[in-house]
Amino acid sequence: SNGRSKPLSRSWNRIMATVILNRDDTYIIFKPWFRIPERSSKDDNPSMEKYYGYGELQAIQQLKAHTLTLLLRNNLRASGNKGAVQIDWSFPLHKKLKGYVQYFNGYGESLGDYNHKNNRLGIGIMLTDWL
């Protein structure tokens, strides 16, 4: 939940699984989910699956001190297809400090704007990395 009241409330309960495959410096992560149905009178986000889809696929590649990540999400619908792509790159700056660049395009960047298409580029500093 985003902790806000209606009409800005965004929440969903779901059952999620994670499957991770690894070979050397490459990781493939598959994360399917199932939204737990709510009564239509209580559901403040009835179209959440149309934008977030039913899972995501992530690939992580370690290239020496650099890490590249690709995240894909799609609702797999022939009509009204929605999805998202996110590309991350982390790189060394100084000792354990890393730089970070992230590009996001699509739906579901956050619960607050799950049904709005976003196109964003972000930069920052990381204290820790996935790998």
C-alpha atoms as a PDB file:
ATOM      1  CA  SER A   1       0.000   0.000   0.000  1.00  0.00           C
ATOM      2  CA  ASN A   2       1.106   3.556  -0.579  1.00  0.00           C
ATOM      3  CA  GLY A   3      -0.576   4.578   2.694  1.00  0.00           C
ATOM      4  CA  ARG A   4      -2.840   7.208   1.154  1.00  0.00           C
ATOM      5  CA  SER A   5      -6.622   7.519   1.377  1.00  0.00           C
ATOM      6  CA  LYS A   6      -9.053   7.380  -1.548  1.00  0.00           C
ATOM      7  CA  PRO A   7      -8.929   8.480  -4.330  1.00  0.00           C
ATOM      8  CA  LEU A   8      -5.093   8.346  -4.150  1.00  0.00           C
ATOM      9  CA  SER A   9      -4.979   4.969  -2.386  1.00  0.00           C
ATOM     10  CA  ARG A  10      -2.991   2.297  -4.208  1.00  0.00           C
ATOM     11  CA  SER A  11      -2.671  -1.197  -2.822  1.00  0.00           C
ATOM     12  CA  TRP A  12      -2.761  -4.769  -3.951  1.00  0.00           C
ATOM     13  CA  ASN A  13      -2.280  -8.088  -2.295  1.00  0.00           C
ATOM     14  CA  ARG A  14      -0.539 -10.705  -4.367  1.00  0.00           C
ATOM     15  CA  ILE A  15       1.138 -14.065  -4.146  1.00  0.00           C
ATOM     16  CA  MET A  16       4.600 -13.959  -5.651  1.00  0.00           C
ATOM     17  CA  ALA A  17       7.299 -16.490  -6.479  1.00  0.00           C
ATOM     18  CA  THR A  18      10.894 -15.933  -7.528  1.00  0.00           C
ATOM     19  CA  VAL A  19      13.014 -18.234  -9.679  1.00  0.00           C
ATOM     20  CA  ILE A  20      16.714 -17.383 -10.037  1.00  0.00           C
ATOM     21  CA  LEU A  21      19.024 -19.017 -12.569  1.00  0.00           C
ATOM     22  CA  ASN A  22      22.746 -18.333 -12.423  1.00  0.00           C
ATOM     23  CA  ARG A  23      25.698 -19.144 -14.606  1.00  0.00           C
ATOM     24  CA  ASP A  24      29.042 -17.489 -13.950  1.00  0.00           C
ATOM     25  CA  ASP A  25      28.380 -13.720 -13.914  1.00  0.00           C
ATOM     26  CA  THR A  26      24.885 -13.873 -15.430  1.00  0.00           C
ATOM     27  CA  TYR A  27      21.635 -14.053 -13.479  1.00  0.00           C
ATOM     28  CA  ILE A  28      18.119 -14.537 -14.860  1.00  0.00           C
ATOM     29  CA  ILE A  29      15.279 -13.821 -12.429  1.00  0.00           C
ATOM     30  CA  PHE A  30      11.667 -14.700 -13.173  1.00  0.00           C
ATOM     31  CA  LYS A  31       9.089 -13.318 -10.756  1.00  0.00           C
ATOM     32  CA  PRO A  32       5.467 -14.285 -11.531  1.00  0.00           C
ATOM     33  CA  TRP A  33       2.605 -13.107  -9.347  1.00  0.00           C
ATOM     34  CA  PHE A  34      -1.118 -13.582  -8.834  1.00  0.00           C
ATOM     35  CA  ARG A  35      -3.253 -10.767  -7.515  1.00  0.00           C
ATOM     36  CA  ILE A  36      -5.557 -11.839  -4.712  1.00  0.00           C
ATOM     37  CA  PRO A  37      -9.046 -10.789  -5.876  1.00  0.00           C
ATOM     38  CA  GLU A  38     -10.968  -8.185  -3.890  1.00  0.00           C
ATOM     39  CA  ARG A  39     -14.686  -7.455  -3.868  1.00  0.00           C
ATOM     40  CA  SER A  40     -15.360  -4.821  -6.523  1.00  0.00           C
ATOM     41  CA  SER A  41     -16.846  -2.496  -3.885  1.00  0.00           C
ATOM     42  CA  LYS A  42     -13.508  -2.497  -1.966  1.00  0.00           C
ATOM     43  CA  ASP A  43     -11.098  -2.602  -4.906  1.00  0.00           C
ATOM     44  CA  ASP A  44      -9.636   0.873  -5.367  1.00  0.00           C
ATOM     45  CA  ASN A  45      -7.325  -0.317  -8.186  1.00  0.00           C
ATOM     46  CA  PRO A  46      -9.372  -2.719 -10.315  1.00  0.00           C
ATOM     47  CA  SER A  47      -7.160  -2.445 -13.396  1.00  0.00           C
ATOM     48  CA  MET A  48      -3.768  -2.949 -11.719  1.00  0.00           C
ATOM     49  CA  GLU A  49      -2.937  -6.140 -13.674  1.00  0.00           C
ATOM     50  CA  LYS A  50      -3.568  -4.371 -17.003  1.00  0.00           C
ATOM     51  CA  TYR A  51      -0.555  -2.140 -16.274  1.00  0.00           C
ATOM     52  CA  TYR A  52       1.723  -4.222 -14.037  1.00  0.00           C
ATOM     53  CA  GLY A  53       1.053  -7.494 -15.787  1.00  0.00           C
ATOM     54  CA  TYR A  54       1.462 -10.871 -14.129  1.00  0.00           C
ATOM     55  CA  GLY A  55       5.192 -10.945 -13.533  1.00  0.00           C
ATOM     56  CA  GLU A  56       8.582  -9.633 -14.512  1.00  0.00           C
ATOM     57  CA  LEU A  57      11.768 -10.939 -16.026  1.00  0.00           C
ATOM     58  CA  GLN A  58      15.128  -9.570 -14.996  1.00  0.00           C
ATOM     59  CA  ALA A  59      18.610 -10.219 -16.376  1.00  0.00           C
ATOM     60  CA  ILE A  60      21.722  -9.153 -14.466  1.00  0.00           C
ATOM     61  CA  GLN A  61      25.185  -9.255 -16.009  1.00  0.00           C
ATOM     62  CA  GLN A  62      28.365  -8.600 -14.049  1.00  0.00           C
ATOM     63  CA  LEU A  63      31.164  -7.166 -16.221  1.00  0.00           C
ATOM     64  CA  LYS A  64      34.204  -6.894 -13.954  1.00  0.00           C
ATOM     65  CA  ALA A  65      33.301  -4.004 -11.595  1.00  0.00           C
ATOM     66  CA  HIS A  66      30.269  -2.946 -13.650  1.00  0.00           C
ATOM     67  CA  THR A  67      26.751  -4.376 -13.363  1.00  0.00           C
ATOM     68  CA  LEU A  68      24.118  -4.162 -16.105  1.00  0.00           C
ATOM     69  CA  THR A  69      20.487  -5.002 -15.377  1.00  0.00           C
ATOM     70  CA  LEU A  70      17.497  -5.309 -17.693  1.00  0.00           C
ATOM     71  CA  LEU A  71      13.980  -5.596 -16.265  1.00  0.00           C
ATOM     72  CA  LEU A  72      10.972  -6.395 -18.477  1.00  0.00           C
ATOM     73  CA  ARG A  73       7.322  -6.415 -17.466  1.00  0.00           C
ATOM     74  CA  ASN A  74       4.301  -6.966 -19.748  1.00  0.00           C
ATOM     75  CA  ASN A  75       0.620  -7.808 -19.390  1.00  0.00           C
ATOM     76  CA  LEU A  76       0.788 -10.229 -22.369  1.00  0.00           C
ATOM     77  CA  ARG A  77      -2.493  -8.995 -23.845  1.00  0.00           C
ATOM     78  CA  ALA A  78      -3.076  -8.869 -27.589  1.00  0.00           C
ATOM     79  CA  SER A  79      -5.348  -5.856 -27.137  1.00  0.00           C
ATOM     80  CA  GLY A  80      -4.368  -3.065 -24.748  1.00  0.00           C
ATOM     81  CA  ASN A  81      -0.805  -4.281 -24.319  1.00  0.00           C
ATOM     82  CA  LYS A  82       1.061  -2.438 -21.563  1.00  0.00           C
ATOM     83  CA  GLY A  83       4.449  -3.041 -20.068  1.00  0.00           C
ATOM     84  CA  ALA A  84       7.702  -1.554 -18.877  1.00  0.00           C
ATOM     85  CA  VAL A  85      11.419  -1.746 -19.469  1.00  0.00           C
ATOM     86  CA  GLN A  86      14.088  -0.656 -17.014  1.00  0.00           C
ATOM     87  CA  ILE A  87      17.834  -0.587 -17.667  1.00  0.00           C
ATOM     88  CA  ASP A  88      20.312  -0.102 -14.827  1.00  0.00           C
ATOM     89  CA  TRP A  89      24.079   0.383 -14.895  1.00  0.00           C
ATOM     90  CA  SER A  90      26.268   0.564 -11.817  1.00  0.00           C
ATOM     91  CA  PHE A  91      29.964   1.332 -11.987  1.00  0.00           C
ATOM     92  CA  PRO A  92      32.813   1.965  -9.536  1.00  0.00           C
ATOM     93  CA  LEU A  93      33.462   5.489  -8.323  1.00  0.00           C
ATOM     94  CA  HIS A  94      35.734   5.069  -5.312  1.00  0.00           C
ATOM     95  CA  LYS A  95      36.474   1.920  -3.283  1.00  0.00           C
ATOM     96  CA  LYS A  96      32.996   0.632  -2.236  1.00  0.00           C
ATOM     97  CA  LEU A  97      31.095   3.613  -3.632  1.00  0.00           C
ATOM     98  CA  LYS A  98      29.341   3.085  -6.971  1.00  0.00           C
ATOM     99  CA  GLY A  99      27.702   5.350  -9.499  1.00  0.00           C
ATOM    100  CA  TYR A 100      24.278   4.437 -10.826  1.00  0.00           C
ATOM    101  CA  VAL A 101      22.304   5.247 -13.978  1.00  0.00           C
ATOM    102  CA  GLN A 102      18.734   4.032 -14.491  1.00  0.00           C
ATOM    103  CA  TYR A 103      16.367   4.391 -17.439  1.00  0.00           C
ATOM    104  CA  PHE A 104      12.673   3.499 -17.121  1.00  0.00           C
ATOM    105  CA  ASN A 105       9.994   3.533 -19.806  1.00  0.00           C
ATOM    106  CA  GLY A 106       6.468   2.207 -19.393  1.00  0.00           C
ATOM    107  CA  TYR A 107       3.745   1.665 -16.841  1.00  0.00           C
ATOM    108  CA  GLY A 108       3.889   0.784 -13.172  1.00  0.00           C
ATOM    109  CA  GLU A 109       6.971   2.664 -12.075  1.00  0.00           C
ATOM    110  CA  SER A 110       5.238   3.188  -8.743  1.00  0.00           C
ATOM    111  CA  LEU A 111       1.918   2.354  -7.131  1.00  0.00           C
ATOM    112  CA  GLY A 112       0.896   6.013  -7.245  1.00  0.00           C
ATOM    113  CA  ASP A 113       1.076   6.274 -11.008  1.00  0.00           C
ATOM    114  CA  TYR A 114       0.687   2.668 -12.092  1.00  0.00           C
ATOM    115  CA  ASN A 115      -1.695   3.611 -14.923  1.00  0.00           C
ATOM    116  CA  HIS A 116       0.401   6.469 -16.350  1.00  0.00           C
ATOM    117  CA  LYS A 117       3.203   5.918 -18.831  1.00  0.00           C
ATOM    118  CA  ASN A 118       6.529   7.289 -17.587  1.00  0.00           C
ATOM    119  CA  ASN A 119       9.822   7.910 -19.303  1.00  0.00           C
ATOM    120  CA  ARG A 120      12.587   8.675 -16.804  1.00  0.00           C
ATOM    121  CA  LEU A 121      16.362   8.848 -16.554  1.00  0.00           C
ATOM    122  CA  GLY A 122      17.948   8.876 -13.123  1.00  0.00           C
ATOM    123  CA  ILE A 123      21.490   9.090 -11.793  1.00  0.00           C
ATOM    124  CA  GLY A 124      22.773   8.498  -8.313  1.00  0.00           C
ATOM    125  CA  ILE A 125      25.217   6.879  -5.930  1.00  0.00           C
ATOM    126  CA  MET A 126      24.963   3.316  -4.588  1.00  0.00           C
ATOM    127  CA  LEU A 127      26.294   2.054  -1.307  1.00  0.00           C
ATOM    128  CA  THR A 128      25.694  -1.572  -2.241  1.00  0.00           C
ATOM    129  CA  ASP A 129      24.977  -3.520  -5.420  1.00  0.00           C
ATOM    130  CA  TRP A 130      22.856  -6.580  -6.255  1.00  0.00           C
ATOM    131  CA  LEU A 131      25.941  -8.745  -6.732  1.00  0.00           C
END
